């Protein structure tokens, strides 16, 4: 199966713009005009921002309200913005621009034209494609640009800005109501690319796992995929059970190979578990085995009860 070729979409940017906006745009020329801001020749002006919204040079006025140039000049006189210094990841500059413009979209346009190697236009469809989720506006944009950089390196694109452009072209060529063989092929290539889906699922799962754990993840997945939920919970169950068994049953048994059933019995004999807890953990392990082998009769209710057993008993043990 062919892998997804994001780079090929970048070359279709002029074509898609002409189809959508009835004209082509030369962003490279704008980037050149913004070079003095990038190299330290001068600070940002209202006229610079106005250029970004000229309808014959960009389509951005269709999506964001252009700031009033005179009002912006007054604001920039009070709060001059020099853009050639990028401390660290550039977060401070993003925050300053957001404070002036009160719009992440407008701030991202300026950042994209001055520093295309580091920043892209903030686009809701592209955020959705990348599956970026953050509570804070600046955190969201920083994570967005960082992820664009990862895609840039993976697909061999020239910059963060051009990676965003290529993704925008893909979105435009596959968005409803478009249909046909080419659209279906593009969608299939994107959805079947393992690297892409790993990146997307990581954006959803990794932040969750920093706060919660595998059992909580299993609990969330339980209704839509009981088997997967039971497998995930089973791994954490065995880890906690083995750690508790080693701690409770002495050094003499430390190196012995024990099955899960044997460890549950040992913990019961050492009064770590009572008979009811023993029975519940045996049930949890049987449910785990149903998921792993697998048993088509494994139900959502069984997986949910397994997870409840682990939470009720094993979470009291030191992890």
Protein backbone atom coordinates (compact mmCIF):
# COMPACT_ATOMS: atom_id res chain seq x y z
CA UNK A 1 0.00 0.00 0.00
CA UNK A 2 1.41 3.42 -0.97
CA UNK A 3 2.34 5.73 1.90
CA UNK A 4 0.99 9.24 2.16
CA UNK A 5 3.00 11.81 0.18
CA UNK A 6 2.42 15.16 1.86
CA UNK A 7 5.15 16.87 -0.13
CA UNK A 8 3.25 16.35 -3.38
CA UNK A 9 0.40 18.54 -2.11
CA UNK A 10 2.62 21.59 -1.64
CA UNK A 11 3.11 21.93 -5.39
CA UNK A 12 -0.67 22.11 -5.86
CA UNK A 13 -1.07 25.19 -3.66
CA UNK A 14 -1.34 27.65 -6.61
CA UNK A 15 -3.85 25.39 -8.37
CA UNK A 16 -6.08 25.06 -5.31
CA UNK A 17 -5.93 28.80 -4.60
CA UNK A 18 -6.95 29.59 -8.15
CA UNK A 19 -9.85 27.16 -7.89
CA UNK A 20 -11.01 28.44 -4.48
CA UNK A 21 -10.15 32.16 -4.66
CA UNK A 22 -9.90 32.71 -8.45
CA UNK A 23 -6.30 33.86 -8.14
CA UNK A 24 -2.83 32.63 -7.17
CA UNK A 25 -0.76 33.97 -4.30
CA UNK A 26 2.99 34.36 -3.91
CA UNK A 27 3.72 33.97 -0.21
CA UNK A 28 7.45 33.69 -0.91
CA UNK A 29 7.41 37.29 -2.14
CA UNK A 30 5.70 38.44 1.04
CA UNK A 31 8.25 36.52 3.12
CA UNK A 32 10.98 38.43 1.27
CA UNK A 33 9.34 41.76 2.08
CA UNK A 34 9.24 40.77 5.75
CA UNK A 35 12.95 39.94 5.78
CA UNK A 36 13.97 43.22 7.53
CA UNK A 37 11.82 42.19 10.49
CA UNK A 38 13.46 38.77 10.48
CA UNK A 39 17.02 40.09 10.29
CA UNK A 40 16.67 43.02 12.69
CA UNK A 41 16.39 45.89 10.25
CA UNK A 42 13.28 47.32 11.94
CA UNK A 43 10.27 46.56 14.12
CA UNK A 44 6.73 45.57 13.17
CA UNK A 45 4.47 48.30 11.74
CA UNK A 46 0.78 48.60 11.00
CA UNK A 47 1.60 48.71 7.31
CA UNK A 48 3.29 45.31 7.58
CA UNK A 49 0.12 43.82 8.96
CA UNK A 50 -2.00 45.55 6.32
CA UNK A 51 0.04 43.84 3.58
CA UNK A 52 -0.95 40.45 4.92
CA UNK A 53 -4.62 41.26 4.37
CA UNK A 54 -4.40 42.75 0.85
CA UNK A 55 -6.88 40.70 -1.14
CA UNK A 56 -4.68 40.45 -4.23
CA UNK A 57 -1.77 39.12 -2.12
CA UNK A 58 -3.42 36.72 0.33
CA UNK A 59 -6.86 35.24 1.03
CA UNK A 60 -6.64 35.93 4.77
CA UNK A 61 -9.15 38.81 4.86
CA UNK A 62 -11.80 36.19 4.08
CA UNK A 63 -11.11 34.50 7.41
CA UNK A 64 -9.96 37.23 9.83
CA UNK A 65 -10.97 40.85 10.31
CA UNK A 66 -7.98 43.06 9.38
CA UNK A 67 -6.90 45.39 12.21
CA UNK A 68 -7.36 49.11 11.68
CA UNK A 69 -3.91 50.29 10.55
CA UNK A 70 -4.01 53.66 12.37
CA UNK A 71 -5.21 52.07 15.61
CA UNK A 72 -2.56 49.39 15.31
CA UNK A 73 0.17 51.99 14.72
CA UNK A 74 -0.79 53.72 17.97
CA UNK A 75 -0.73 50.39 19.81
CA UNK A 76 2.67 49.46 18.35
CA UNK A 77 4.06 52.87 19.30
CA UNK A 78 3.13 52.05 22.90
CA UNK A 79 4.32 48.46 22.67
CA UNK A 80 7.01 48.17 19.96
CA UNK A 81 7.53 44.61 18.75
CA UNK A 82 10.93 43.50 17.53
CA UNK A 83 10.70 40.11 15.87
CA UNK A 84 14.26 39.18 14.97
CA UNK A 85 15.05 37.83 18.45
CA UNK A 86 13.46 34.47 19.18
CA UNK A 87 14.23 33.43 22.73
CA UNK A 88 13.85 29.69 23.28
CA UNK A 89 10.82 28.31 21.48
CA UNK A 90 9.44 31.77 20.66
CA UNK A 91 6.66 31.61 23.22
CA UNK A 92 7.35 35.10 24.57
CA UNK A 93 6.97 36.61 21.09
CA UNK A 94 3.71 34.71 20.55
CA UNK A 95 2.35 36.06 23.83
CA UNK A 96 3.31 39.65 22.97
CA UNK A 97 1.67 39.48 19.55
CA UNK A 98 -1.45 37.90 21.00
CA UNK A 99 -1.64 40.71 23.55
CA UNK A 100 -1.53 43.32 20.77
CA UNK A 101 -3.85 41.65 18.25
CA UNK A 102 -6.24 39.86 20.64
CA UNK A 103 -6.52 37.22 17.90
CA UNK A 104 -4.44 34.08 17.58
CA UNK A 105 -5.23 33.91 13.88
CA UNK A 106 -3.85 37.40 13.15
CA UNK A 107 -0.83 36.85 15.39
CA UNK A 108 -0.08 33.59 13.56
CA UNK A 109 -0.18 35.34 10.16
CA UNK A 110 2.50 37.79 11.25
CA UNK A 111 4.61 35.03 12.77
CA UNK A 112 4.24 32.91 9.63
CA UNK A 113 5.42 35.71 7.30
CA UNK A 114 8.34 36.80 9.47
CA UNK A 115 9.51 33.36 10.62
CA UNK A 116 8.17 30.76 8.17
CA UNK A 117 10.78 28.26 9.32
CA UNK A 118 9.26 28.20 12.81
CA UNK A 119 5.59 29.17 12.56
CA UNK A 120 2.51 28.41 10.46
CA UNK A 121 -0.90 29.98 10.00
CA UNK A 122 -3.24 28.82 12.74
CA UNK A 123 -5.91 26.85 10.90
CA UNK A 124 -8.80 25.02 12.57
CA UNK A 125 -8.98 22.31 9.85
CA UNK A 126 -5.25 21.62 10.26
CA UNK A 127 -5.58 21.54 14.05
CA UNK A 128 -8.24 18.87 13.50
CA UNK A 129 -6.04 16.90 11.09
CA UNK A 130 -3.16 16.93 13.57
CA UNK A 131 -5.48 16.24 16.52
CA UNK A 132 -3.91 18.95 18.70
CA UNK A 133 -5.69 19.62 22.01
CA UNK A 134 -4.58 22.12 24.64
CA UNK A 135 -6.56 24.17 27.16
CA UNK A 136 -4.49 27.36 26.86
CA UNK A 137 -4.46 29.40 23.61
CA UNK A 138 -0.69 29.91 23.55
CA UNK A 139 -0.07 26.28 24.52
CA UNK A 140 -2.33 25.21 21.64
CA UNK A 141 -0.45 27.29 19.07
CA UNK A 142 2.98 26.26 20.35
CA UNK A 143 2.00 22.57 20.25
CA UNK A 144 0.54 23.11 16.77
CA UNK A 145 3.79 24.56 15.41
CA UNK A 146 5.89 21.92 17.16
CA UNK A 147 3.80 19.19 15.56
CA UNK A 148 4.05 20.87 12.14
CA UNK A 149 7.84 20.80 12.58
CA UNK A 150 7.71 17.04 13.25
CA UNK A 151 5.69 16.56 10.04
CA UNK A 152 8.07 18.86 8.18
CA UNK A 153 11.04 16.67 9.08
CA UNK A 154 9.25 13.40 8.42
CA UNK A 155 7.97 14.38 4.97
CA UNK A 156 11.02 16.42 3.93
CA UNK A 157 9.25 19.76 3.55
CA UNK A 158 11.11 23.11 3.49
CA UNK A 159 9.56 24.78 6.56
CA UNK A 160 6.82 24.72 9.16
CA UNK A 161 4.85 27.27 7.10
CA UNK A 162 5.02 25.18 3.94
CA UNK A 163 4.05 22.06 5.88
CA UNK A 164 0.89 23.87 6.98
CA UNK A 165 0.30 24.92 3.35
CA UNK A 166 0.62 21.32 2.14
CA UNK A 167 -1.82 20.10 4.79
CA UNK A 168 -4.23 22.89 3.87
CA UNK A 169 -4.11 21.77 0.21
CA UNK A 170 -4.82 18.17 1.28
CA UNK A 171 -7.77 19.36 3.34
CA UNK A 172 -9.19 21.44 0.49
CA UNK A 173 -8.83 18.59 -2.00
CA UNK A 174 -10.61 16.09 0.24
CA UNK A 175 -13.20 18.18 2.11
CA UNK A 176 -16.90 17.50 1.43
CA UNK A 177 -18.74 17.72 -0.88
CA UNK A 178 -15.80 16.70 -3.09
CA UNK A 179 -15.80 13.04 -4.08
CA UNK A 180 -14.31 10.76 -6.68
CA UNK A 181 -11.48 8.28 -7.10
CA UNK A 182 -8.72 10.83 -6.43
CA UNK A 183 -10.40 12.00 -3.22
CA UNK A 184 -10.98 8.46 -2.00
CA UNK A 185 -7.36 7.56 -2.74
CA UNK A 186 -6.04 10.61 -0.88
CA UNK A 187 -8.24 9.92 2.14
CA UNK A 188 -7.26 6.25 2.17
CA UNK A 189 -3.54 7.06 1.93
CA UNK A 190 -3.82 9.50 4.84
CA UNK A 191 -5.87 7.18 7.05
CA UNK A 192 -3.70 4.12 6.34
CA UNK A 193 -0.36 5.83 6.95
CA UNK A 194 0.85 4.28 10.22
CA UNK A 195 3.21 7.15 11.07
CA UNK A 196 0.40 9.70 10.71
CA UNK A 197 -2.02 7.72 12.85
CA UNK A 198 0.64 7.20 15.52
CA UNK A 199 1.21 10.95 15.67
CA UNK A 200 -2.52 11.67 15.84
CA UNK A 201 -3.32 9.13 18.54
CA UNK A 202 -0.31 10.31 20.55
CA UNK A 203 -1.82 13.81 20.65
CA UNK A 204 -4.97 12.34 22.22
CA UNK A 205 -3.51 9.71 24.52
CA UNK A 206 -0.12 11.04 25.66
CA UNK A 207 -1.47 14.13 27.52
CA UNK A 208 -4.13 11.94 29.13
CA UNK A 209 -1.57 9.41 30.40
CA UNK A 210 0.51 12.19 31.95
CA UNK A 211 -2.39 12.91 34.29
CA UNK A 212 -4.10 9.55 34.55
CA UNK A 213 -3.03 5.95 33.98
CA UNK A 214 -3.67 2.77 32.06
CA UNK A 215 -6.63 1.63 34.14
CA UNK A 216 -8.36 4.99 33.67
CA UNK A 217 -7.69 4.71 29.94
CA UNK A 218 -9.16 1.20 29.96
CA UNK A 219 -12.22 2.50 31.78
CA UNK A 220 -12.78 5.09 29.06
CA UNK A 221 -12.31 2.54 26.25
CA UNK A 222 -14.46 -0.09 27.92
CA UNK A 223 -17.75 0.69 26.22
CA UNK A 224 -16.40 1.00 22.67
CA UNK A 225 -13.85 -1.87 22.87
CA UNK A 226 -14.19 -4.14 25.94
CA UNK A 227 -11.46 -6.52 24.76
CA UNK A 228 -8.85 -3.80 24.33
CA UNK A 229 -9.89 -2.23 27.64
CA UNK A 230 -9.48 -5.56 29.46
CA UNK A 231 -6.04 -6.14 27.91
CA UNK A 232 -4.80 -2.69 28.96
CA UNK A 233 -6.22 -3.05 32.48
CA UNK A 234 -4.80 -6.58 32.71
CA UNK A 235 -1.24 -5.36 32.21
CA UNK A 236 -1.51 -2.87 35.07
CA UNK A 237 -3.30 -5.47 37.24
CA UNK A 238 -0.50 -8.01 36.87
CA UNK A 239 2.17 -5.37 37.52
CA UNK A 240 0.55 -4.23 40.77
CA UNK A 241 -0.23 -7.79 41.86
CA UNK A 242 3.34 -8.98 41.33
CA UNK A 243 4.78 -5.98 43.17
CA UNK A 244 2.43 -6.58 46.11
CA UNK A 245 3.23 -10.30 46.17
CA UNK A 246 6.98 -9.63 46.28
CA UNK A 247 6.55 -7.13 49.10
CA UNK A 248 4.25 -9.36 51.17
CA UNK A 249 5.61 -12.85 50.70
CA UNK A 250 9.26 -12.45 51.68
CA UNK A 251 12.65 -12.68 50.03
CA UNK A 252 12.60 -16.49 50.05
CA UNK A 253 9.91 -16.48 47.37
CA UNK A 254 11.20 -13.45 45.46
CA UNK A 255 12.88 -15.40 42.68
CA UNK A 256 10.24 -18.06 42.34
CA UNK A 257 8.14 -18.10 39.19
CA UNK A 258 4.54 -17.77 40.20
CA UNK A 259 1.36 -17.71 38.18
CA UNK A 260 -1.19 -15.01 38.85
CA UNK A 261 -3.53 -17.53 40.47
CA UNK A 262 -0.72 -18.67 42.79
CA UNK A 263 0.13 -15.12 43.76
CA UNK A 264 -3.52 -14.37 44.57
CA UNK A 265 -3.61 -17.52 46.75
CA UNK A 266 -0.36 -16.55 48.51
CA UNK A 267 -1.69 -13.05 49.27
CA UNK A 268 -4.85 -14.59 50.68
CA UNK A 269 -2.82 -16.93 52.91
CA UNK A 270 -0.80 -13.94 54.16
CA UNK A 271 -4.07 -12.12 54.97
CA UNK A 272 -3.35 -9.38 52.45
CA UNK A 273 -6.59 -10.37 50.71
CA UNK A 274 -9.79 -11.64 52.27
CA UNK A 275 -11.85 -14.35 50.59
CA UNK A 276 -14.16 -11.92 48.85
CA UNK A 277 -11.23 -9.93 47.43
CA UNK A 278 -9.59 -13.18 46.36
CA UNK A 279 -12.71 -14.16 44.44
CA UNK A 280 -12.95 -10.77 42.77
CA UNK A 281 -9.31 -10.82 41.64
CA UNK A 282 -9.66 -14.35 40.28
CA UNK A 283 -12.61 -13.07 38.25
CA UNK A 284 -10.53 -10.11 37.04
CA UNK A 285 -7.76 -12.44 35.87
CA UNK A 286 -10.19 -14.77 34.09
CA UNK A 287 -11.64 -11.75 32.31
CA UNK A 288 -8.15 -10.67 31.29
CA UNK A 289 -7.55 -14.16 29.84
CA UNK A 290 -10.83 -13.98 27.92
CA UNK A 291 -9.58 -10.75 26.32
CA UNK A 292 -6.09 -12.00 25.50
CA UNK A 293 -6.93 -15.40 23.97
CA UNK A 294 -9.63 -14.07 22.90
CA UNK A 295 -13.10 -15.18 23.90
CA UNK A 296 -15.91 -13.84 21.67
CA UNK A 297 -18.26 -14.00 24.66
CA UNK A 298 -16.38 -11.29 26.58
CA UNK A 299 -18.95 -8.62 27.41
CA UNK A 300 -18.77 -4.94 28.23
CA UNK A 301 -20.17 -5.70 31.70
CA UNK A 302 -17.37 -8.21 32.42
CA UNK A 303 -14.67 -5.79 31.34
CA UNK A 304 -16.22 -3.01 33.39
CA UNK A 305 -16.46 -5.24 36.49
CA UNK A 306 -12.84 -6.31 36.01
CA UNK A 307 -11.72 -2.68 35.98
CA UNK A 308 -13.83 -1.92 39.06
CA UNK A 309 -12.17 -4.83 40.90
CA UNK A 310 -8.69 -3.57 40.07
CA UNK A 311 -9.55 -0.03 41.14
CA UNK A 312 -11.22 -1.11 44.37
CA UNK A 313 -8.50 -3.52 45.53
CA UNK A 314 -5.19 -2.92 43.76
CA UNK A 315 -5.25 0.87 43.84
CA UNK A 316 -4.86 0.71 47.63
CA UNK A 317 -1.49 -0.95 47.12
CA UNK A 318 1.63 1.10 46.51
CA UNK A 319 2.13 1.35 42.76
